[in-house]
Amino acid sequence: MKYWAMFLISGRDLIPNEIYKTLEIKPDKIHFNDIDGVTIWQLNSSLEGYRKLEDHIENILKKIYKFRKELSYLSKRYKLQMILNVDKENSHISISSKYLTILGSMGIDLEIYII
């Protein structure tokens, strides 16, 4: 089984340097979409793909949790997402309410893709 997780902050008026200054975290990637003008600030899980899905969620949360107030504020200006990719061989996905509550309290939407 393979899992992968990333945390995204996106918006039309997003300035990556402002996100860096607010969160004190260097992104793993920055994307700019010329078509719709959306900039995406991306932080990836640093764990191997065989680790449990919740391990990937926790890996990212450990990086951003101390900035939960700042993230809650940012969620009013930008779209915040936790994206989870799950290998299609997996027949069951379970995420603890603890993680769902933490993500929700920071204004982070959860999206799961089966690939």
C-alpha atoms as a PDB file:
ATOM      1  CA  MET A   1       0.000   0.000   0.000  1.00  0.00           C
ATOM      2  CA  LYS A   2       1.165   3.484  -0.761  1.00  0.00           C
ATOM      3  CA  TYR A   3       0.023   6.710   0.815  1.00  0.00           C
ATOM      4  CA  TRP A   4       0.994  10.301   0.291  1.00  0.00           C
ATOM      5  CA  ALA A   5      -0.150  13.541   1.879  1.00  0.00           C
ATOM      6  CA  MET A   6       0.278  17.236   1.223  1.00  0.00           C
ATOM      7  CA  PHE A   7      -0.966  20.471   2.724  1.00  0.00           C
ATOM      8  CA  LEU A   8      -1.943  23.273   0.344  1.00  0.00           C
ATOM      9  CA  ILE A   9      -2.727  26.947   0.745  1.00  0.00           C
ATOM     10  CA  SER A  10      -4.102  28.455  -2.452  1.00  0.00           C
ATOM     11  CA  GLY A  11      -5.623  31.667  -3.720  1.00  0.00           C
ATOM     12  CA  ARG A  12      -5.562  34.297  -6.432  1.00  0.00           C
ATOM     13  CA  ASP A  13      -3.889  36.963  -4.317  1.00  0.00           C
ATOM     14  CA  LEU A  14      -1.605  34.582  -2.420  1.00  0.00           C
ATOM     15  CA  ILE A  15       1.960  35.800  -2.002  1.00  0.00           C
ATOM     16  CA  PRO A  16       4.185  32.833  -1.051  1.00  0.00           C
ATOM     17  CA  ASN A  17       6.656  35.001   0.864  1.00  0.00           C
ATOM     18  CA  GLU A  18       3.852  36.245   3.149  1.00  0.00           C
ATOM     19  CA  ILE A  19       2.869  32.630   3.920  1.00  0.00           C
ATOM     20  CA  TYR A  20       6.511  31.842   4.673  1.00  0.00           C
ATOM     21  CA  LYS A  21       6.768  34.819   7.043  1.00  0.00           C
ATOM     22  CA  THR A  22       3.492  33.903   8.778  1.00  0.00           C
ATOM     23  CA  LEU A  23       4.202  30.187   9.230  1.00  0.00           C
ATOM     24  CA  GLU A  24       8.000  30.253   9.333  1.00  0.00           C
ATOM     25  CA  ILE A  25       7.928  27.142   7.146  1.00  0.00           C
ATOM     26  CA  LYS A  26       9.596  26.861   3.763  1.00  0.00           C
ATOM     27  CA  PRO A  27       7.230  25.220   1.246  1.00  0.00           C
ATOM     28  CA  ASP A  28       8.212  22.108  -0.664  1.00  0.00           C
ATOM     29  CA  LYS A  29       6.701  23.577  -3.843  1.00  0.00           C
ATOM     30  CA  ILE A  30       5.045  26.708  -5.134  1.00  0.00           C
ATOM     31  CA  HIS A  31       2.781  26.480  -8.182  1.00  0.00           C
ATOM     32  CA  PHE A  32       1.303  29.303 -10.218  1.00  0.00           C
ATOM     33  CA  ASN A  33      -1.551  28.565 -12.608  1.00  0.00           C
ATOM     34  CA  ASP A  34      -1.453  31.032 -15.506  1.00  0.00           C
ATOM     35  CA  ILE A  35      -4.994  30.124 -16.561  1.00  0.00           C
ATOM     36  CA  ASP A  36      -6.881  31.058 -13.386  1.00  0.00           C
ATOM     37  CA  GLY A  37      -4.208  33.103 -11.587  1.00  0.00           C
ATOM     38  CA  VAL A  38      -4.172  30.838  -8.514  1.00  0.00           C
ATOM     39  CA  THR A  39      -0.942  30.414  -6.567  1.00  0.00           C
ATOM     40  CA  ILE A  40      -0.476  27.239  -4.511  1.00  0.00           C
ATOM     41  CA  TRP A  41       1.875  26.957  -1.526  1.00  0.00           C
ATOM     42  CA  GLN A  42       2.580  23.233  -0.898  1.00  0.00           C
ATOM     43  CA  LEU A  43       3.982  21.294   2.046  1.00  0.00           C
ATOM     44  CA  ASN A  44       4.520  17.521   1.641  1.00  0.00           C
ATOM     45  CA  SER A  45       4.666  14.674   4.112  1.00  0.00           C
ATOM     46  CA  SER A  46       8.275  13.586   4.442  1.00  0.00           C
ATOM     47  CA  LEU A  47       7.439   9.946   5.235  1.00  0.00           C
ATOM     48  CA  GLU A  48       7.827   6.907   3.019  1.00  0.00           C
ATOM     49  CA  GLY A  49       4.759   5.701   1.122  1.00  0.00           C
ATOM     50  CA  TYR A  50       4.368   2.485   3.099  1.00  0.00           C
ATOM     51  CA  ARG A  51       3.622   4.362   6.346  1.00  0.00           C
ATOM     52  CA  LYS A  52       0.024   4.519   7.602  1.00  0.00           C
ATOM     53  CA  LEU A  53      -2.206   7.268   6.266  1.00  0.00           C
ATOM     54  CA  GLU A  54      -2.594   8.811   9.730  1.00  0.00           C
ATOM     55  CA  ASP A  55       1.208   8.888  10.077  1.00  0.00           C
ATOM     56  CA  HIS A  56       1.336  11.135   7.005  1.00  0.00           C
ATOM     57  CA  ILE A  57      -1.390  13.386   8.423  1.00  0.00           C
ATOM     58  CA  GLU A  58       0.450  13.608  11.728  1.00  0.00           C
ATOM     59  CA  ASN A  59       3.747  14.353   9.963  1.00  0.00           C
ATOM     60  CA  ILE A  60       2.247  17.444   8.357  1.00  0.00           C
ATOM     61  CA  LEU A  61       0.322  18.456  11.476  1.00  0.00           C
ATOM     62  CA  LYS A  62       3.546  18.408  13.499  1.00  0.00           C
ATOM     63  CA  LYS A  63       4.942  20.996  11.093  1.00  0.00           C
ATOM     64  CA  ILE A  64       1.930  23.328  11.133  1.00  0.00           C
ATOM     65  CA  TYR A  65       0.142  22.793  14.458  1.00  0.00           C
ATOM     66  CA  LYS A  66       1.919  25.528  16.408  1.00  0.00           C
ATOM     67  CA  PHE A  67       0.601  27.990  13.803  1.00  0.00           C
ATOM     68  CA  ARG A  68      -3.046  26.906  14.198  1.00  0.00           C
ATOM     69  CA  LYS A  69      -4.263  30.439  15.020  1.00  0.00           C
ATOM     70  CA  GLU A  70      -2.468  31.864  12.001  1.00  0.00           C
ATOM     71  CA  LEU A  71      -3.864  29.087   9.812  1.00  0.00           C
ATOM     72  CA  SER A  72      -7.383  29.738  11.057  1.00  0.00           C
ATOM     73  CA  TYR A  73      -6.941  33.371  10.029  1.00  0.00           C
ATOM     74  CA  LEU A  74      -5.446  32.385   6.659  1.00  0.00           C
ATOM     75  CA  SER A  75      -8.414  30.065   6.020  1.00  0.00           C
ATOM     76  CA  LYS A  76     -10.627  33.152   5.812  1.00  0.00           C
ATOM     77  CA  ARG A  77      -8.529  34.549   2.926  1.00  0.00           C
ATOM     78  CA  TYR A  78      -7.330  31.399   1.174  1.00  0.00           C
ATOM     79  CA  LYS A  79      -8.305  27.804   0.556  1.00  0.00           C
ATOM     80  CA  LEU A  80      -6.530  25.410   2.941  1.00  0.00           C
ATOM     81  CA  GLN A  81      -6.498  21.709   2.070  1.00  0.00           C
ATOM     82  CA  MET A  82      -4.999  18.463   3.255  1.00  0.00           C
ATOM     83  CA  ILE A  83      -4.772  16.213   0.206  1.00  0.00           C
ATOM     84  CA  LEU A  84      -4.390  12.468   0.752  1.00  0.00           C
ATOM     85  CA  ASN A  85      -3.525  10.049  -2.021  1.00  0.00           C
ATOM     86  CA  VAL A  86      -4.353   6.406  -1.418  1.00  0.00           C
ATOM     87  CA  ASP A  87      -3.330   3.431  -3.525  1.00  0.00           C
ATOM     88  CA  LYS A  88      -6.416   1.920  -5.166  1.00  0.00           C
ATOM     89  CA  GLU A  89      -5.510  -1.505  -3.759  1.00  0.00           C
ATOM     90  CA  ASN A  90      -6.667  -0.239  -0.367  1.00  0.00           C
ATOM     91  CA  SER A  91     -10.227  -1.341   0.383  1.00  0.00           C
ATOM     92  CA  HIS A  92     -10.674   0.659   3.589  1.00  0.00           C
ATOM     93  CA  ILE A  93      -9.774   4.190   4.675  1.00  0.00           C
ATOM     94  CA  SER A  94     -10.150   5.268   8.288  1.00  0.00           C
ATOM     95  CA  ILE A  95      -9.179   8.625   9.772  1.00  0.00           C
ATOM     96  CA  SER A  96      -9.458   9.272  13.491  1.00  0.00           C
ATOM     97  CA  SER A  97     -11.882  11.957  14.640  1.00  0.00           C
ATOM     98  CA  LYS A  98      -8.921  13.521  16.468  1.00  0.00           C
ATOM     99  CA  TYR A  99      -7.295  14.436  13.158  1.00  0.00           C
ATOM    100  CA  LEU A 100     -10.577  15.507  11.585  1.00  0.00           C
ATOM    101  CA  THR A 101     -11.274  17.818  14.535  1.00  0.00           C
ATOM    102  CA  ILE A 102      -7.798  19.372  14.386  1.00  0.00           C
ATOM    103  CA  LEU A 103      -8.032  19.956  10.634  1.00  0.00           C
ATOM    104  CA  GLY A 104     -11.524  21.412  10.944  1.00  0.00           C
ATOM    105  CA  SER A 105     -10.555  23.753  13.776  1.00  0.00           C
ATOM    106  CA  MET A 106      -7.858  25.276  11.556  1.00  0.00           C
ATOM    107  CA  GLY A 107     -10.186  25.631   8.567  1.00  0.00           C
ATOM    108  CA  ILE A 108      -8.436  22.910   6.567  1.00  0.00           C
ATOM    109  CA  ASP A 109     -10.558  20.892   4.121  1.00  0.00           C
ATOM    110  CA  LEU A 110      -9.728  17.205   3.676  1.00  0.00           C
ATOM    111  CA  GLU A 111      -9.663  15.630   0.224  1.00  0.00           C
ATOM    112  CA  ILE A 112      -8.910  11.965  -0.427  1.00  0.00           C
ATOM    113  CA  TYR A 113      -7.961  10.661  -3.860  1.00  0.00           C
ATOM    114  CA  ILE A 114      -7.779   6.990  -4.734  1.00  0.00           C
ATOM    115  CA  ILE A 115      -5.141   6.587  -7.413  1.00  0.00           C
END
